[in-house]
C-alpha atoms as a PDB file:
ATOM      1  CA  MET A   1      10.844 -10.160  -8.264  1.00  0.00           C
ATOM      2  CA  ALA A   2      13.441  -9.230  -5.670  1.00  0.00           C
ATOM      3  CA  ASP A   3      14.487 -11.487  -2.786  1.00  0.00           C
ATOM      4  CA  TYR A   4      14.251 -10.433   0.844  1.00  0.00           C
ATOM      5  CA  VAL A   5      15.343 -12.033   4.106  1.00  0.00           C
ATOM      6  CA  VAL A   6      12.947 -11.326   6.954  1.00  0.00           C
ATOM      7  CA  LEU A   7      14.365 -11.925  10.430  1.00  0.00           C
ATOM      8  CA  SER A   8      11.558 -12.294  12.965  1.00  0.00           C
ATOM      9  CA  SER A   9      11.645 -12.145  16.752  1.00  0.00           C
ATOM     10  CA  TRP A  10       8.634 -13.211  18.758  1.00  0.00           C
ATOM     11  CA  THR A  11       7.077 -10.627  21.033  1.00  0.00           C
ATOM     12  CA  ASN A  12       5.898 -11.644  24.511  1.00  0.00           C
ATOM     13  CA  GLN A  13       2.526 -12.475  22.939  1.00  0.00           C
ATOM     14  CA  GLY A  14       4.270 -14.526  20.238  1.00  0.00           C
ATOM     15  CA  VAL A  15       6.124 -16.559  22.851  1.00  0.00           C
ATOM     16  CA  HIS A  16       2.918 -17.027  24.829  1.00  0.00           C
ATOM     17  CA  ASP A  17       1.200 -18.332  21.666  1.00  0.00           C
ATOM     18  CA  PHE A  18       4.141 -20.469  20.478  1.00  0.00           C
ATOM     19  CA  LYS A  19       1.889 -23.474  19.826  1.00  0.00           C
ATOM     20  CA  ASP A  20       0.197 -21.485  17.045  1.00  0.00           C
ATOM     21  CA  THR A  21       3.436 -20.836  15.148  1.00  0.00           C
ATOM     22  CA  LEU A  22       2.517 -23.065  12.189  1.00  0.00           C
ATOM     23  CA  GLU A  23      -0.841 -21.330  11.780  1.00  0.00           C
ATOM     24  CA  ARG A  24       0.907 -17.969  12.067  1.00  0.00           C
ATOM     25  CA  ALA A  25       3.269 -19.028   9.273  1.00  0.00           C
ATOM     26  CA  ASP A  26       0.200 -19.719   7.120  1.00  0.00           C
ATOM     27  CA  LEU A  27      -1.145 -16.266   7.994  1.00  0.00           C
ATOM     28  CA  ALA A  28       2.216 -14.719   7.067  1.00  0.00           C
ATOM     29  CA  ALA A  29       2.041 -16.469   3.692  1.00  0.00           C
ATOM     30  CA  GLU A  30      -1.418 -14.951   3.112  1.00  0.00           C
ATOM     31  CA  ILE A  31      -0.231 -11.483   4.176  1.00  0.00           C
ATOM     32  CA  PHE A  32       2.795 -11.722   1.892  1.00  0.00           C
ATOM     33  CA  GLN A  33       0.656 -12.937  -1.011  1.00  0.00           C
ATOM     34  CA  ASP A  34      -1.870 -10.113  -0.501  1.00  0.00           C
ATOM     35  CA  ALA A  35       1.057  -7.655  -0.741  1.00  0.00           C
ATOM     36  CA  GLY A  36       2.224  -9.240  -4.014  1.00  0.00           C
ATOM     37  CA  GLY A  37       4.926 -11.448  -2.514  1.00  0.00           C
ATOM     38  CA  GLU A  38       5.641 -15.093  -1.958  1.00  0.00           C
ATOM     39  CA  ILE A  39       7.385 -16.993   0.821  1.00  0.00           C
ATOM     40  CA  LYS A  40      10.166 -19.135  -0.647  1.00  0.00           C
ATOM     41  CA  ASP A  41      11.302 -20.684   2.639  1.00  0.00           C
ATOM     42  CA  ILE A  42      10.618 -20.370   6.346  1.00  0.00           C
ATOM     43  CA  ILE A  43      12.978 -21.663   9.022  1.00  0.00           C
ATOM     44  CA  TRP A  44      12.486 -21.662  12.786  1.00  0.00           C
ATOM     45  CA  THR A  45      15.768 -20.828  14.496  1.00  0.00           C
ATOM     46  CA  MET A  46      17.491 -20.608  17.862  1.00  0.00           C
ATOM     47  CA  GLY A  47      19.333 -17.471  18.836  1.00  0.00           C
ATOM     48  CA  PRO A  48      18.426 -13.791  18.520  1.00  0.00           C
ATOM     49  CA  TYR A  49      15.788 -14.506  15.853  1.00  0.00           C
ATOM     50  CA  ASP A  50      12.995 -17.038  16.146  1.00  0.00           C
ATOM     51  CA  VAL A  51      12.002 -17.329  12.494  1.00  0.00           C
ATOM     52  CA  VAL A  52      13.850 -16.560   9.252  1.00  0.00           C
ATOM     53  CA  VAL A  53      11.816 -16.103   6.080  1.00  0.00           C
ATOM     54  CA  VAL A  54      13.099 -15.866   2.518  1.00  0.00           C
ATOM     55  CA  ALA A  55      10.518 -14.208   0.303  1.00  0.00           C
ATOM     56  CA  SER A  56      10.175 -12.571  -3.089  1.00  0.00           C
ATOM     57  CA  PHE A  57       8.421  -9.252  -3.676  1.00  0.00           C
ATOM     58  CA  PRO A  58       8.081  -6.977  -6.691  1.00  0.00           C
ATOM     59  CA  ASP A  59       9.501  -3.946  -4.843  1.00  0.00           C
ATOM     60  CA  ASP A  60      10.493  -2.441  -1.488  1.00  0.00           C
ATOM     61  CA  GLU A  61       7.073  -0.902  -0.944  1.00  0.00           C
ATOM     62  CA  SER A  62       5.371  -4.304  -1.192  1.00  0.00           C
ATOM     63  CA  VAL A  63       7.669  -5.936   1.349  1.00  0.00           C
ATOM     64  CA  ALA A  64       7.265  -2.945   3.670  1.00  0.00           C
ATOM     65  CA  LYS A  65       3.482  -3.292   3.425  1.00  0.00           C
ATOM     66  CA  ALA A  66       3.699  -6.994   4.324  1.00  0.00           C
ATOM     67  CA  ALA A  67       6.121  -6.416   7.209  1.00  0.00           C
ATOM     68  CA  LEU A  68       3.918  -3.691   8.699  1.00  0.00           C
ATOM     69  CA  LYS A  69       0.799  -5.847   8.419  1.00  0.00           C
ATOM     70  CA  LEU A  70       2.616  -8.836   9.929  1.00  0.00           C
ATOM     71  CA  GLY A  71       4.009  -6.737  12.780  1.00  0.00           C
ATOM     72  CA  GLY A  72       0.566  -5.279  13.360  1.00  0.00           C
ATOM     73  CA  GLU A  73      -0.646  -8.742  14.316  1.00  0.00           C
ATOM     74  CA  GLY A  74       1.352  -8.255  17.532  1.00  0.00           C
ATOM     75  CA  ARG A  75       3.296 -11.523  17.656  1.00  0.00           C
ATOM     76  CA  VAL A  76       6.541 -10.689  15.844  1.00  0.00           C
ATOM     77  CA  ARG A  77       8.953  -7.846  15.211  1.00  0.00           C
ATOM     78  CA  THR A  78      10.792  -7.996  11.922  1.00  0.00           C
ATOM     79  CA  THR A  79      14.057  -6.871  10.376  1.00  0.00           C
ATOM     80  CA  THR A  80      14.008  -7.023   6.587  1.00  0.00           C
ATOM     81  CA  MET A  81      17.039  -7.132   4.301  1.00  0.00           C
ATOM     82  CA  ARG A  82      17.219  -7.071   0.515  1.00  0.00           C
ATOM     83  CA  GLY A  83      19.087 -10.120  -0.768  1.00  0.00           C
ATOM     84  CA  PHE A  84      20.948 -10.650  -4.039  1.00  0.00           C
ATOM     85  CA  ARG A  85      21.334 -14.005  -5.748  1.00  0.00           C
ATOM     86  CA  ARG A  86      24.584 -14.983  -7.477  1.00  0.00           C
ATOM     87  CA  ASP A  87      23.518 -13.794 -10.942  1.00  0.00           C
ATOM     88  CA  GLU A  88      22.352 -10.461  -9.537  1.00  0.00           C
ATOM     89  CA  MET A  89      25.630 -10.001  -7.677  1.00  0.00           C
ATOM     90  CA  ALA A  90      27.578 -10.833 -10.849  1.00  0.00           C
ATOM     91  CA  SER A  91      25.680  -8.117 -12.660  1.00  0.00           C
ATOM     92  CA  ILE A  92      26.271  -5.616  -9.847  1.00  0.00           C
ATOM     93  CA  ILE A  93      30.034  -6.171  -9.710  1.00  0.00           C
ATOM     94  CA  GLY A  94      30.414  -6.737 -13.456  1.00  0.00           C
END
């Protein structure tokens, strides 16, 4: 499983429905799981992004599927980055 960082910004609808953010996090976990992934951590943030998610997926196509489904809900826009843990980075530069 590969690690991904998903940076999420609330849309106008997401801001309007801010009180539902915990339920939306549960929905995101279901969407990610249905796509073959798993949320490792979720952090609400201040600044240009409202929520940061660290998740694992088997491949790029699976995370793309989850991000599209999540975005299709209309409350967030996402930017997804592939992450590398220390052992993976050691292998890449070794």
